[in-house]
Amino acid sequence: MEPLDFVMKVLDEKKQIAPNGEEYWMGRDIQAVLGYAEWRNFDSVIQKAKTACEGSGVPSKYHFVETTKVISGGKGAELQRADCYLTRYACYLVAMNGDPSKPEVATSQAYFAVQTRRQEMSDQEKRVALRDRVRISNRVLFGAAKQAGVIRFPLFYDAGYRGLYGMGLADIKRRKKIPAQHDLLDRAGRAELAANEFRITQTQQKLERSRIRGEKAAMDVHKSVGEEVRDAMRRIGGVMPEDLPIEEPIGTVKRLLAKKGKKNEPKQERLRISPVSPSEVEPGDE
């Protein structure tokens, strides 16, 4: 068996699935695959990987979770052994920061580079689909708000953001370092988009169900629903939306996915999509 095939087989066998469906590996398992005999040496690689993670703008706590396990020692003694939960991205960073002279490290780098890229593409496809759903939901909310008597839509949308984020749109962008001309939701990841989708759909339903009338009343409802979603995120220990990291602009992601699709698609089967007419353009999210 080729070295890369062997490493891929072992890593696939060591992979575990969390209750939420996410893949993860244990540090002790990865240590053996990468050819490190002692944990203290491998732990230094993990620390370098965590530093690299932070340097890329991604909080390491999302990908590295240190833990300890009690194991049986000699004469019935119980010993604590350090370990670490690692996501696929964390494993990739660990491999990239390993000793390049070890053949196991080189083959693991190839494995995680390929697998991480595949996972990123899959996650981005899900993100694009969710962003499109949020855009449609905002269109429906626009209609419900208009029916309720909203005229100043920027203020109406800002009320929802204030409820969910604890601050207005301009402050959110400053906090996240998003250029003023960018759409906030075009830079949001899946967790942030999901929170906004819930805010939007629940506001639209409450406006219609309670037959809200009046611009101020509609704004109050939007802010109140946003606050309820924020409280729910806090109760379950989630990261607050203003602290979630931004991602590549959704337009850039769509172009990359389209390019990937064209590369894998037989030329004669490509679809031709006609331009959208001006009448089909939806109201803005902001």
C-alpha atoms as a PDB file:
ATOM      1  CA  MET A   1       0.000   0.000   0.000  1.00  0.00           C
ATOM      2  CA  GLU A   2       1.279   3.465  -0.912  1.00  0.00           C
ATOM      3  CA  PRO A   3       2.176   5.735   2.077  1.00  0.00           C
ATOM      4  CA  LEU A   4      -0.582   8.231   1.258  1.00  0.00           C
ATOM      5  CA  ASP A   5      -3.161   5.453   0.910  1.00  0.00           C
ATOM      6  CA  PHE A   6      -2.073   4.020   4.260  1.00  0.00           C
ATOM      7  CA  VAL A   7      -2.309   7.392   6.030  1.00  0.00           C
ATOM      8  CA  MET A   8      -5.720   8.076   4.478  1.00  0.00           C
ATOM      9  CA  LYS A   9      -6.953   4.679   5.661  1.00  0.00           C
ATOM     10  CA  VAL A  10      -5.686   5.185   9.216  1.00  0.00           C
ATOM     11  CA  LEU A  11      -7.002   8.743   9.501  1.00  0.00           C
ATOM     12  CA  ASP A  12     -10.408   7.696   8.213  1.00  0.00           C
ATOM     13  CA  GLU A  13     -10.464   4.938  10.833  1.00  0.00           C
ATOM     14  CA  LYS A  14      -9.510   7.345  13.628  1.00  0.00           C
ATOM     15  CA  LYS A  15     -12.146   9.907  12.633  1.00  0.00           C
ATOM     16  CA  GLN A  16     -15.018  10.344  15.090  1.00  0.00           C
ATOM     17  CA  ILE A  17     -18.413  11.992  14.719  1.00  0.00           C
ATOM     18  CA  ALA A  18     -19.791  14.403  17.333  1.00  0.00           C
ATOM     19  CA  PRO A  19     -23.528  14.427  18.256  1.00  0.00           C
ATOM     20  CA  ASN A  20     -24.013  17.471  16.001  1.00  0.00           C
ATOM     21  CA  GLY A  21     -22.585  15.570  13.022  1.00  0.00           C
ATOM     22  CA  GLU A  22     -19.202  17.322  12.970  1.00  0.00           C
ATOM     23  CA  GLU A  23     -16.046  15.279  12.328  1.00  0.00           C
ATOM     24  CA  TYR A  24     -13.182  15.346  14.819  1.00  0.00           C
ATOM     25  CA  TRP A  25     -10.005  13.517  15.769  1.00  0.00           C
ATOM     26  CA  MET A  26      -8.238  13.069  19.095  1.00  0.00           C
ATOM     27  CA  GLY A  27      -4.736  14.490  19.405  1.00  0.00           C
ATOM     28  CA  ARG A  28      -3.291  11.241  20.743  1.00  0.00           C
ATOM     29  CA  ASP A  29      -4.493   9.415  17.627  1.00  0.00           C
ATOM     30  CA  ILE A  30      -3.038  12.052  15.292  1.00  0.00           C
ATOM     31  CA  GLN A  31       0.229  11.973  17.267  1.00  0.00           C
ATOM     32  CA  ALA A  32       0.785   8.352  16.343  1.00  0.00           C
ATOM     33  CA  VAL A  33      -0.133   8.865  12.682  1.00  0.00           C
ATOM     34  CA  LEU A  34       2.343  11.764  12.376  1.00  0.00           C
ATOM     35  CA  GLY A  35       5.163   9.693  13.870  1.00  0.00           C
ATOM     36  CA  TYR A  36       5.623  11.494  17.201  1.00  0.00           C
ATOM     37  CA  ALA A  37       6.669   9.159  20.023  1.00  0.00           C
ATOM     38  CA  GLU A  38       6.199  11.615  22.913  1.00  0.00           C
ATOM     39  CA  TRP A  39       3.196  13.793  23.688  1.00  0.00           C
ATOM     40  CA  ARG A  40       5.253  16.768  24.874  1.00  0.00           C
ATOM     41  CA  ASN A  41       6.863  17.064  21.447  1.00  0.00           C
ATOM     42  CA  PHE A  42       3.564  16.702  19.677  1.00  0.00           C
ATOM     43  CA  ASP A  43       1.873  19.176  22.023  1.00  0.00           C
ATOM     44  CA  SER A  44       4.351  21.838  20.926  1.00  0.00           C
ATOM     45  CA  VAL A  45       3.161  21.242  17.345  1.00  0.00           C
ATOM     46  CA  ILE A  46      -0.451  21.696  18.474  1.00  0.00           C
ATOM     47  CA  GLN A  47       0.465  25.004  20.117  1.00  0.00           C
ATOM     48  CA  LYS A  48       2.096  26.195  16.872  1.00  0.00           C
ATOM     49  CA  ALA A  49      -1.026  25.154  14.976  1.00  0.00           C
ATOM     50  CA  LYS A  50      -3.217  27.135  17.381  1.00  0.00           C
ATOM     51  CA  THR A  51      -1.038  30.192  16.842  1.00  0.00           C
ATOM     52  CA  ALA A  52      -1.373  29.752  13.070  1.00  0.00           C
ATOM     53  CA  CYS A  53      -5.143  29.464  13.469  1.00  0.00           C
ATOM     54  CA  GLU A  54      -5.338  32.742  15.395  1.00  0.00           C
ATOM     55  CA  GLY A  55      -3.032  34.346  12.843  1.00  0.00           C
ATOM     56  CA  SER A  56      -5.477  33.463  10.073  1.00  0.00           C
ATOM     57  CA  GLY A  57      -8.219  35.371  11.893  1.00  0.00           C
ATOM     58  CA  VAL A  58     -10.056  32.280  13.163  1.00  0.00           C
ATOM     59  CA  PRO A  59     -10.422  31.835  16.957  1.00  0.00           C
ATOM     60  CA  SER A  60      -8.565  28.650  17.873  1.00  0.00           C
ATOM     61  CA  LYS A  61     -11.197  27.730  20.469  1.00  0.00           C
ATOM     62  CA  TYR A  62     -13.504  26.758  17.592  1.00  0.00           C
ATOM     63  CA  HIS A  63     -11.069  24.066  16.413  1.00  0.00           C
ATOM     64  CA  PHE A  64      -8.894  23.022  19.365  1.00  0.00           C
ATOM     65  CA  VAL A  65     -10.405  21.847  22.667  1.00  0.00           C
ATOM     66  CA  GLU A  66      -7.916  20.620  25.249  1.00  0.00           C
ATOM     67  CA  THR A  67      -9.005  17.877  27.624  1.00  0.00           C
ATOM     68  CA  THR A  68      -7.644  15.343  30.088  1.00  0.00           C
ATOM     69  CA  LYS A  69      -8.457  11.673  30.525  1.00  0.00           C
ATOM     70  CA  VAL A  70      -7.958   9.477  33.553  1.00  0.00           C
ATOM     71  CA  ILE A  71      -6.044   6.275  32.789  1.00  0.00           C
ATOM     72  CA  SER A  72      -4.979   3.392  35.002  1.00  0.00           C
ATOM     73  CA  GLY A  73      -1.341   3.333  36.023  1.00  0.00           C
ATOM     74  CA  GLY A  74       0.784   0.798  37.833  1.00  0.00           C
ATOM     75  CA  LYS A  75      -0.470  -0.681  41.115  1.00  0.00           C
ATOM     76  CA  GLY A  76      -3.975   0.683  40.542  1.00  0.00           C
ATOM     77  CA  ALA A  77      -2.913   4.318  40.408  1.00  0.00           C
ATOM     78  CA  GLU A  78      -4.952   6.729  38.310  1.00  0.00           C
ATOM     79  CA  LEU A  79      -3.108   9.154  36.066  1.00  0.00           C
ATOM     80  CA  GLN A  80      -4.334  12.145  34.108  1.00  0.00           C
ATOM     81  CA  ARG A  81      -3.327  12.211  30.463  1.00  0.00           C
ATOM     82  CA  ALA A  82      -3.613  15.346  28.354  1.00  0.00           C
ATOM     83  CA  ASP A  83      -5.370  15.161  25.013  1.00  0.00           C
ATOM     84  CA  CYS A  84      -7.026  17.523  22.541  1.00  0.00           C
ATOM     85  CA  TYR A  85     -10.122  17.430  20.348  1.00  0.00           C
ATOM     86  CA  LEU A  86      -9.235  18.547  16.826  1.00  0.00           C
ATOM     87  CA  THR A  87     -11.481  19.521  13.930  1.00  0.00           C
ATOM     88  CA  ARG A  88     -10.464  18.699  10.373  1.00  0.00           C
ATOM     89  CA  TYR A  89      -9.084  22.238   9.994  1.00  0.00           C
ATOM     90  CA  ALA A  90      -7.125  21.852  13.233  1.00  0.00           C
ATOM     91  CA  CYS A  91      -5.628  18.573  11.991  1.00  0.00           C
ATOM     92  CA  TYR A  92      -4.632  20.292   8.769  1.00  0.00           C
ATOM     93  CA  LEU A  93      -2.848  23.046  10.704  1.00  0.00           C
ATOM     94  CA  VAL A  94      -1.148  20.490  12.961  1.00  0.00           C
ATOM     95  CA  ALA A  95       0.116  18.585   9.928  1.00  0.00           C
ATOM     96  CA  MET A  96       1.341  21.783   8.280  1.00  0.00           C
ATOM     97  CA  ASN A  97       3.284  22.683  11.433  1.00  0.00           C
ATOM     98  CA  GLY A  98       4.772  19.224  11.944  1.00  0.00           C
ATOM     99  CA  ASP A  99       8.369  18.158  11.370  1.00  0.00           C
ATOM    100  CA  PRO A 100       8.758  18.128   7.559  1.00  0.00           C
ATOM    101  CA  SER A 101      11.552  15.552   7.806  1.00  0.00           C
ATOM    102  CA  LYS A 102       9.030  12.944   8.953  1.00  0.00           C
ATOM    103  CA  PRO A 103       7.496  11.105   5.973  1.00  0.00           C
ATOM    104  CA  GLU A 104       4.304  10.636   7.985  1.00  0.00           C
ATOM    105  CA  VAL A 105       3.925  14.421   8.257  1.00  0.00           C
ATOM    106  CA  ALA A 106       4.338  14.944   4.522  1.00  0.00           C
ATOM    107  CA  THR A 107       1.697  12.358   3.625  1.00  0.00           C
ATOM    108  CA  SER A 108      -0.684  13.682   6.304  1.00  0.00           C
ATOM    109  CA  GLN A 109      -0.278  17.194   4.914  1.00  0.00           C
ATOM    110  CA  ALA A 110      -1.416  15.945   1.511  1.00  0.00           C
ATOM    111  CA  TYR A 111      -4.400  14.134   3.031  1.00  0.00           C
ATOM    112  CA  PHE A 112      -5.681  17.042   5.097  1.00  0.00           C
ATOM    113  CA  ALA A 113      -5.001  19.589   2.362  1.00  0.00           C
ATOM    114  CA  VAL A 114      -7.242  17.664  -0.033  1.00  0.00           C
ATOM    115  CA  GLN A 115      -9.913  16.777   2.506  1.00  0.00           C
ATOM    116  CA  THR A 116     -10.034  20.266   4.035  1.00  0.00           C
ATOM    117  CA  ARG A 117     -10.479  21.810   0.595  1.00  0.00           C
ATOM    118  CA  ARG A 118     -13.305  19.428  -0.187  1.00  0.00           C
ATOM    119  CA  GLN A 119     -14.997  20.212   3.128  1.00  0.00           C
ATOM    120  CA  GLU A 120     -14.578  23.959   2.586  1.00  0.00           C
ATOM    121  CA  MET A 121     -16.263  23.710  -0.811  1.00  0.00           C
ATOM    122  CA  SER A 122     -19.137  21.708   0.662  1.00  0.00           C
ATOM    123  CA  ASP A 123     -19.579  24.196   3.519  1.00  0.00           C
ATOM    124  CA  GLN A 124     -19.526  27.113   1.094  1.00  0.00           C
ATOM    125  CA  GLU A 125     -22.188  25.477  -1.073  1.00  0.00           C
ATOM    126  CA  LYS A 126     -24.396  25.196   2.011  1.00  0.00           C
ATOM    127  CA  ARG A 127     -23.596  28.804   2.901  1.00  0.00           C
ATOM    128  CA  VAL A 128     -24.617  30.031  -0.572  1.00  0.00           C
ATOM    129  CA  ALA A 129     -27.899  28.104  -0.358  1.00  0.00           C
ATOM    130  CA  LEU A 130     -28.618  29.568   3.077  1.00  0.00           C
ATOM    131  CA  ARG A 131     -27.769  33.091   1.906  1.00  0.00           C
ATOM    132  CA  ASP A 132     -30.238  32.704  -0.950  1.00  0.00           C
ATOM    133  CA  ARG A 133     -32.925  31.562   1.512  1.00  0.00           C
ATOM    134  CA  VAL A 134     -32.252  34.592   3.719  1.00  0.00           C
ATOM    135  CA  ARG A 135     -32.528  36.870   0.682  1.00  0.00           C
ATOM    136  CA  ILE A 136     -35.928  35.392  -0.216  1.00  0.00           C
ATOM    137  CA  SER A 137     -37.097  35.621   3.402  1.00  0.00           C
ATOM    138  CA  ASN A 138     -36.093  39.287   3.496  1.00  0.00           C
ATOM    139  CA  ARG A 139     -38.164  39.863   0.382  1.00  0.00           C
ATOM    140  CA  VAL A 140     -41.214  38.368   2.124  1.00  0.00           C
ATOM    141  CA  LEU A 141     -40.498  40.442   5.252  1.00  0.00           C
ATOM    142  CA  PHE A 142     -40.322  43.559   3.088  1.00  0.00           C
ATOM    143  CA  GLY A 143     -43.864  42.885   1.898  1.00  0.00           C
ATOM    144  CA  ALA A 144     -45.182  42.247   5.404  1.00  0.00           C
ATOM    145  CA  ALA A 145     -43.513  45.403   6.729  1.00  0.00           C
ATOM    146  CA  LYS A 146     -44.911  47.474   3.886  1.00  0.00           C
ATOM    147  CA  GLN A 147     -48.383  46.102   4.618  1.00  0.00           C
ATOM    148  CA  ALA A 148     -47.925  47.113   8.263  1.00  0.00           C
ATOM    149  CA  GLY A 149     -47.183  50.671   7.234  1.00  0.00           C
ATOM    150  CA  VAL A 150     -43.388  50.823   7.222  1.00  0.00           C
ATOM    151  CA  ILE A 151     -41.989  53.606   5.039  1.00  0.00           C
ATOM    152  CA  ARG A 152     -38.480  54.092   6.408  1.00  0.00           C
ATOM    153  CA  PHE A 153     -37.133  50.644   5.641  1.00  0.00           C
ATOM    154  CA  PRO A 154     -33.485  51.324   6.591  1.00  0.00           C
ATOM    155  CA  LEU A 155     -34.683  52.144  10.121  1.00  0.00           C
ATOM    156  CA  PHE A 156     -36.940  49.091  10.160  1.00  0.00           C
ATOM    157  CA  TYR A 157     -34.082  46.748   9.207  1.00  0.00           C
ATOM    158  CA  ASP A 158     -31.746  48.468  11.647  1.00  0.00           C
ATOM    159  CA  ALA A 159     -34.221  47.773  14.471  1.00  0.00           C
ATOM    160  CA  GLY A 160     -33.907  44.049  13.799  1.00  0.00           C
ATOM    161  CA  TYR A 161     -30.119  44.246  13.803  1.00  0.00           C
ATOM    162  CA  ARG A 162     -30.161  46.173  17.086  1.00  0.00           C
ATOM    163  CA  GLY A 163     -32.210  43.420  18.646  1.00  0.00           C
ATOM    164  CA  LEU A 164     -30.066  40.544  17.371  1.00  0.00           C
ATOM    165  CA  TYR A 165     -26.613  42.141  17.577  1.00  0.00           C
ATOM    166  CA  GLY A 166     -27.133  44.671  20.370  1.00  0.00           C
ATOM    167  CA  MET A 167     -26.058  47.461  18.009  1.00  0.00           C
ATOM    168  CA  GLY A 168     -26.999  49.071  14.721  1.00  0.00           C
ATOM    169  CA  LEU A 169     -25.809  48.050  11.271  1.00  0.00           C
ATOM    170  CA  ALA A 170     -23.041  50.670  11.008  1.00  0.00           C
ATOM    171  CA  ASP A 171     -21.584  49.639  14.366  1.00  0.00           C
ATOM    172  CA  ILE A 172     -21.758  45.949  13.445  1.00  0.00           C
ATOM    173  CA  LYS A 173     -19.720  46.583  10.297  1.00  0.00           C
ATOM    174  CA  ARG A 174     -17.155  48.613  12.213  1.00  0.00           C
ATOM    175  CA  ARG A 175     -16.829  45.876  14.827  1.00  0.00           C
ATOM    176  CA  LYS A 176     -16.408  43.165  12.199  1.00  0.00           C
ATOM    177  CA  LYS A 177     -14.229  45.399   9.990  1.00  0.00           C
ATOM    178  CA  ILE A 178     -16.579  45.014   7.035  1.00  0.00           C
ATOM    179  CA  PRO A 179     -16.326  47.771   4.391  1.00  0.00           C
ATOM    180  CA  ALA A 180     -19.308  50.114   4.509  1.00  0.00           C
ATOM    181  CA  GLN A 181     -20.296  49.285   0.915  1.00  0.00           C
ATOM    182  CA  HIS A 182     -20.500  45.535   1.628  1.00  0.00           C
ATOM    183  CA  ASP A 183     -23.757  43.836   2.579  1.00  0.00           C
ATOM    184  CA  LEU A 184     -23.447  42.460   6.126  1.00  0.00           C
ATOM    185  CA  LEU A 185     -25.210  39.203   5.265  1.00  0.00           C
ATOM    186  CA  ASP A 186     -22.956  38.639   2.249  1.00  0.00           C
ATOM    187  CA  ARG A 187     -20.033  38.348   4.693  1.00  0.00           C
ATOM    188  CA  ALA A 188     -21.858  36.194   7.249  1.00  0.00           C
ATOM    189  CA  GLY A 189     -21.101  32.523   7.865  1.00  0.00           C
ATOM    190  CA  ARG A 190     -23.698  29.800   8.203  1.00  0.00           C
ATOM    191  CA  ALA A 191     -24.323  30.240  11.953  1.00  0.00           C
ATOM    192  CA  GLU A 192     -24.846  33.982  11.556  1.00  0.00           C
ATOM    193  CA  LEU A 193     -27.056  33.534   8.510  1.00  0.00           C
ATOM    194  CA  ALA A 194     -29.173  30.967  10.361  1.00  0.00           C
ATOM    195  CA  ALA A 195     -29.716  33.386  13.255  1.00  0.00           C
ATOM    196  CA  ASN A 196     -30.745  36.125  10.837  1.00  0.00           C
ATOM    197  CA  GLU A 197     -33.058  33.816   8.922  1.00  0.00           C
ATOM    198  CA  PHE A 198     -34.867  32.954  12.173  1.00  0.00           C
ATOM    199  CA  ARG A 199     -35.115  36.654  13.064  1.00  0.00           C
ATOM    200  CA  ILE A 200     -36.502  37.524   9.644  1.00  0.00           C
ATOM    201  CA  THR A 201     -39.047  34.714   9.336  1.00  0.00           C
ATOM    202  CA  GLN A 202     -40.328  35.115  12.901  1.00  0.00           C
ATOM    203  CA  THR A 203     -40.715  38.881  12.469  1.00  0.00           C
ATOM    204  CA  GLN A 204     -42.623  38.431   9.221  1.00  0.00           C
ATOM    205  CA  GLN A 205     -44.958  35.885  10.815  1.00  0.00           C
ATOM    206  CA  LYS A 206     -45.579  38.024  13.888  1.00  0.00           C
ATOM    207  CA  LEU A 207     -46.346  41.103  11.801  1.00  0.00           C
ATOM    208  CA  GLU A 208     -48.934  39.131   9.857  1.00  0.00           C
ATOM    209  CA  ARG A 209     -50.299  36.996  12.683  1.00  0.00           C
ATOM    210  CA  SER A 210     -50.749  39.917  15.090  1.00  0.00           C
ATOM    211  CA  ARG A 211     -51.890  42.254  12.303  1.00  0.00           C
ATOM    212  CA  ILE A 212     -49.412  44.904  13.386  1.00  0.00           C
ATOM    213  CA  ARG A 213     -50.166  48.353  12.024  1.00  0.00           C
ATOM    214  CA  GLY A 214     -47.959  51.423  12.231  1.00  0.00           C
ATOM    215  CA  GLU A 215     -44.308  51.953  11.452  1.00  0.00           C
ATOM    216  CA  LYS A 216     -43.155  52.278  15.065  1.00  0.00           C
ATOM    217  CA  ALA A 217     -45.067  49.180  16.140  1.00  0.00           C
ATOM    218  CA  ALA A 218     -43.480  47.181  13.300  1.00  0.00           C
ATOM    219  CA  MET A 219     -40.022  48.395  14.281  1.00  0.00           C
ATOM    220  CA  ASP A 220     -40.662  47.446  17.906  1.00  0.00           C
ATOM    221  CA  VAL A 221     -41.683  43.948  16.829  1.00  0.00           C
ATOM    222  CA  HIS A 222     -38.566  43.562  14.695  1.00  0.00           C
ATOM    223  CA  LYS A 223     -36.286  44.636  17.545  1.00  0.00           C
ATOM    224  CA  SER A 224     -38.123  42.443  20.057  1.00  0.00           C
ATOM    225  CA  VAL A 225     -37.848  39.333  17.884  1.00  0.00           C
ATOM    226  CA  GLY A 226     -34.144  40.016  17.352  1.00  0.00           C
ATOM    227  CA  GLU A 227     -33.672  40.244  21.119  1.00  0.00           C
ATOM    228  CA  GLU A 228     -35.463  36.912  21.609  1.00  0.00           C
ATOM    229  CA  VAL A 229     -33.159  35.204  19.111  1.00  0.00           C
ATOM    230  CA  ARG A 230     -30.129  36.773  20.805  1.00  0.00           C
ATOM    231  CA  ASP A 231     -31.302  35.556  24.225  1.00  0.00           C
ATOM    232  CA  ALA A 232     -31.754  32.036  22.850  1.00  0.00           C
ATOM    233  CA  MET A 233     -28.188  32.052  21.502  1.00  0.00           C
ATOM    234  CA  ARG A 234     -26.906  33.227  24.875  1.00  0.00           C
ATOM    235  CA  ARG A 235     -28.868  30.574  26.801  1.00  0.00           C
ATOM    236  CA  ILE A 236     -27.429  27.696  24.784  1.00  0.00           C
ATOM    237  CA  GLY A 237     -23.908  29.083  25.108  1.00  0.00           C
ATOM    238  CA  GLY A 238     -23.576  30.111  21.481  1.00  0.00           C
ATOM    239  CA  VAL A 239     -21.200  32.752  20.162  1.00  0.00           C
ATOM    240  CA  MET A 240     -22.946  36.106  19.890  1.00  0.00           C
ATOM    241  CA  PRO A 241     -23.504  37.146  16.256  1.00  0.00           C
ATOM    242  CA  GLU A 242     -21.332  40.244  16.500  1.00  0.00           C
ATOM    243  CA  ASP A 243     -18.413  38.003  17.552  1.00  0.00           C
ATOM    244  CA  LEU A 244     -18.773  35.464  14.745  1.00  0.00           C
ATOM    245  CA  PRO A 245     -15.978  35.727  12.152  1.00  0.00           C
ATOM    246  CA  ILE A 246     -16.689  37.135   8.700  1.00  0.00           C
ATOM    247  CA  GLU A 247     -16.162  35.081   5.559  1.00  0.00           C
ATOM    248  CA  GLU A 248     -15.337  35.670   1.914  1.00  0.00           C
ATOM    249  CA  PRO A 249     -17.921  37.826   0.087  1.00  0.00           C
ATOM    250  CA  ILE A 250     -20.726  35.601  -1.135  1.00  0.00           C
ATOM    251  CA  GLY A 251     -20.244  36.867  -4.701  1.00  0.00           C
ATOM    252  CA  THR A 252     -16.641  35.654  -4.702  1.00  0.00           C
ATOM    253  CA  VAL A 253     -17.729  32.264  -3.364  1.00  0.00           C
ATOM    254  CA  LYS A 254     -20.415  31.926  -6.031  1.00  0.00           C
ATOM    255  CA  ARG A 255     -17.899  32.632  -8.780  1.00  0.00           C
ATOM    256  CA  LEU A 256     -15.512  30.018  -7.391  1.00  0.00           C
ATOM    257  CA  LEU A 257     -18.277  27.435  -7.134  1.00  0.00           C
ATOM    258  CA  ALA A 258     -19.472  28.251 -10.647  1.00  0.00           C
ATOM    259  CA  LYS A 259     -15.927  27.876 -11.969  1.00  0.00           C
ATOM    260  CA  LYS A 260     -15.612  24.527 -10.184  1.00  0.00           C
ATOM    261  CA  GLY A 261     -18.961  23.408 -11.588  1.00  0.00           C
ATOM    262  CA  LYS A 262     -18.034  24.339 -15.153  1.00  0.00           C
ATOM    263  CA  LYS A 263     -14.756  22.460 -14.848  1.00  0.00           C
ATOM    264  CA  ASN A 264     -16.602  19.280 -13.830  1.00  0.00           C
ATOM    265  CA  GLU A 265     -19.548  19.704 -16.201  1.00  0.00           C
ATOM    266  CA  PRO A 266     -19.647  18.372 -19.804  1.00  0.00           C
ATOM    267  CA  LYS A 267     -19.551  21.367 -22.116  1.00  0.00           C
ATOM    268  CA  GLN A 268     -22.669  20.405 -24.084  1.00  0.00           C
ATOM    269  CA  GLU A 269     -24.709  20.147 -20.848  1.00  0.00           C
ATOM    270  CA  ARG A 270     -23.995  23.608 -19.494  1.00  0.00           C
ATOM    271  CA  LEU A 271     -27.063  25.705 -18.876  1.00  0.00           C
ATOM    272  CA  ARG A 272     -27.501  29.142 -20.371  1.00  0.00           C
ATOM    273  CA  ILE A 273     -29.138  31.531 -17.907  1.00  0.00           C
ATOM    274  CA  SER A 274     -30.770  34.662 -19.234  1.00  0.00           C
ATOM    275  CA  PRO A 275     -30.161  37.972 -17.436  1.00  0.00           C
ATOM    276  CA  VAL A 276     -32.583  39.006 -14.692  1.00  0.00           C
ATOM    277  CA  SER A 277     -34.911  41.780 -15.717  1.00  0.00           C
ATOM    278  CA  PRO A 278     -34.977  44.964 -13.596  1.00  0.00           C
ATOM    279  CA  SER A 279     -38.484  44.137 -12.376  1.00  0.00           C
ATOM    280  CA  GLU A 280     -37.221  40.914 -10.770  1.00  0.00           C
ATOM    281  CA  VAL A 281     -34.609  42.586  -8.597  1.00  0.00           C
ATOM    282  CA  GLU A 282     -35.537  42.285  -4.924  1.00  0.00           C
ATOM    283  CA  PRO A 283     -35.344  44.973  -2.204  1.00  0.00           C
ATOM    284  CA  GLY A 284     -31.992  45.161  -0.457  1.00  0.00           C
ATOM    285  CA  ASP A 285     -31.289  43.332   2.798  1.00  0.00           C
ATOM    286  CA  GLU A 286     -30.166  46.536   4.410  1.00  0.00           C
END
